[in-house]
Amino acid sequence: MQNQPPAVDLPPPPSQLPANIHITRNERTLRYYVLPNLKMVQGSITRLAITANNFEIKPAII
């Protein structure tokens, strides 16, 4: 016999701001700056260009 507390219905978590919301600079809150969105993430991750145009594979490696 285990003493378990009775099940309590918790309220749902608060909804997040939609990604495409347009807020003027004067209406932005600290939460708006802290929440990540996909537009910021995709713009900051880029693949680096390979700058080596001439390279040699040594026969010992093959």
C-alpha atoms as a PDB file:
ATOM      1  CA  MET A   1       0.000   0.000   0.000  1.00  0.00           C
ATOM      2  CA  GLN A   2       1.632   3.143  -1.217  1.00  0.00           C
ATOM      3  CA  ASN A   3       0.406   6.532  -0.172  1.00  0.00           C
ATOM      4  CA  GLN A   4       0.084   8.518  -3.380  1.00  0.00           C
ATOM      5  CA  PRO A   5      -1.309  12.035  -3.550  1.00  0.00           C
ATOM      6  CA  PRO A   6      -4.596  12.384  -5.434  1.00  0.00           C
ATOM      7  CA  ALA A   7      -4.342  13.227  -9.139  1.00  0.00           C
ATOM      8  CA  VAL A   8      -4.638  16.965  -9.745  1.00  0.00           C
ATOM      9  CA  ASP A   9      -5.589  18.451 -13.095  1.00  0.00           C
ATOM     10  CA  LEU A  10      -2.950  21.028 -13.954  1.00  0.00           C
ATOM     11  CA  PRO A  11      -3.761  23.965 -16.232  1.00  0.00           C
ATOM     12  CA  PRO A  12      -2.183  23.846 -19.707  1.00  0.00           C
ATOM     13  CA  PRO A  13       1.124  25.693 -20.144  1.00  0.00           C
ATOM     14  CA  PRO A  14       0.919  29.243 -21.499  1.00  0.00           C
ATOM     15  CA  SER A  15       1.039  29.513 -25.264  1.00  0.00           C
ATOM     16  CA  GLN A  16       4.151  30.871 -26.971  1.00  0.00           C
ATOM     17  CA  LEU A  17       4.219  33.824 -29.307  1.00  0.00           C
ATOM     18  CA  PRO A  18       3.697  32.874 -32.970  1.00  0.00           C
ATOM     19  CA  ALA A  19       6.818  33.052 -35.138  1.00  0.00           C
ATOM     20  CA  ASN A  20       5.324  35.471 -37.667  1.00  0.00           C
ATOM     21  CA  ILE A  21       4.062  38.095 -35.236  1.00  0.00           C
ATOM     22  CA  HIS A  22       4.856  41.686 -36.211  1.00  0.00           C
ATOM     23  CA  ILE A  23       5.622  43.875 -33.216  1.00  0.00           C
ATOM     24  CA  THR A  24       6.944  47.395 -33.438  1.00  0.00           C
ATOM     25  CA  ARG A  25      10.152  48.209 -31.575  1.00  0.00           C
ATOM     26  CA  ASN A  26       8.277  50.120 -28.893  1.00  0.00           C
ATOM     27  CA  GLU A  27       6.018  47.150 -28.076  1.00  0.00           C
ATOM     28  CA  ARG A  28       8.724  44.480 -27.780  1.00  0.00           C
ATOM     29  CA  THR A  29       9.256  42.936 -24.377  1.00  0.00           C
ATOM     30  CA  LEU A  30      12.270  41.147 -22.939  1.00  0.00           C
ATOM     31  CA  ARG A  31      10.527  37.822 -23.592  1.00  0.00           C
ATOM     32  CA  TYR A  32      10.383  38.603 -27.331  1.00  0.00           C
ATOM     33  CA  TYR A  33      14.176  38.993 -27.468  1.00  0.00           C
ATOM     34  CA  VAL A  34      14.797  35.801 -25.458  1.00  0.00           C
ATOM     35  CA  LEU A  35      12.511  33.431 -27.404  1.00  0.00           C
ATOM     36  CA  PRO A  36      14.327  31.746 -30.304  1.00  0.00           C
ATOM     37  CA  ASN A  37      12.717  31.506 -33.715  1.00  0.00           C
ATOM     38  CA  LEU A  38      13.646  29.513 -36.805  1.00  0.00           C
ATOM     39  CA  LYS A  39      14.353  32.587 -38.922  1.00  0.00           C
ATOM     40  CA  MET A  40      17.250  33.587 -36.648  1.00  0.00           C
ATOM     41  CA  VAL A  41      18.684  30.065 -36.474  1.00  0.00           C
ATOM     42  CA  GLN A  42      18.633  29.336 -40.216  1.00  0.00           C
ATOM     43  CA  GLY A  43      20.277  32.638 -41.063  1.00  0.00           C
ATOM     44  CA  SER A  44      23.174  32.146 -38.700  1.00  0.00           C
ATOM     45  CA  ILE A  45      24.200  28.591 -39.627  1.00  0.00           C
ATOM     46  CA  THR A  46      26.082  28.465 -42.920  1.00  0.00           C
ATOM     47  CA  ARG A  47      28.382  25.969 -44.587  1.00  0.00           C
ATOM     48  CA  LEU A  48      31.945  27.202 -44.983  1.00  0.00           C
ATOM     49  CA  ALA A  49      33.388  27.358 -48.481  1.00  0.00           C
ATOM     50  CA  ILE A  50      36.348  25.111 -49.294  1.00  0.00           C
ATOM     51  CA  THR A  51      39.231  27.308 -50.391  1.00  0.00           C
ATOM     52  CA  ALA A  52      41.647  24.535 -51.441  1.00  0.00           C
ATOM     53  CA  ASN A  53      41.754  24.476 -55.252  1.00  0.00           C
ATOM     54  CA  ASN A  54      44.881  22.396 -55.586  1.00  0.00           C
ATOM     55  CA  PHE A  55      45.705  19.498 -53.280  1.00  0.00           C
ATOM     56  CA  GLU A  56      47.518  16.187 -53.556  1.00  0.00           C
ATOM     57  CA  ILE A  57      46.730  12.779 -52.066  1.00  0.00           C
ATOM     58  CA  LYS A  58      49.950  10.983 -51.273  1.00  0.00           C
ATOM     59  CA  PRO A  59      50.243   7.407 -52.612  1.00  0.00           C
ATOM     60  CA  ALA A  60      51.014   6.138 -49.082  1.00  0.00           C
ATOM     61  CA  ILE A  61      47.515   7.153 -47.956  1.00  0.00           C
ATOM     62  CA  ILE A  62      45.874   5.176 -50.770  1.00  0.00           C
END
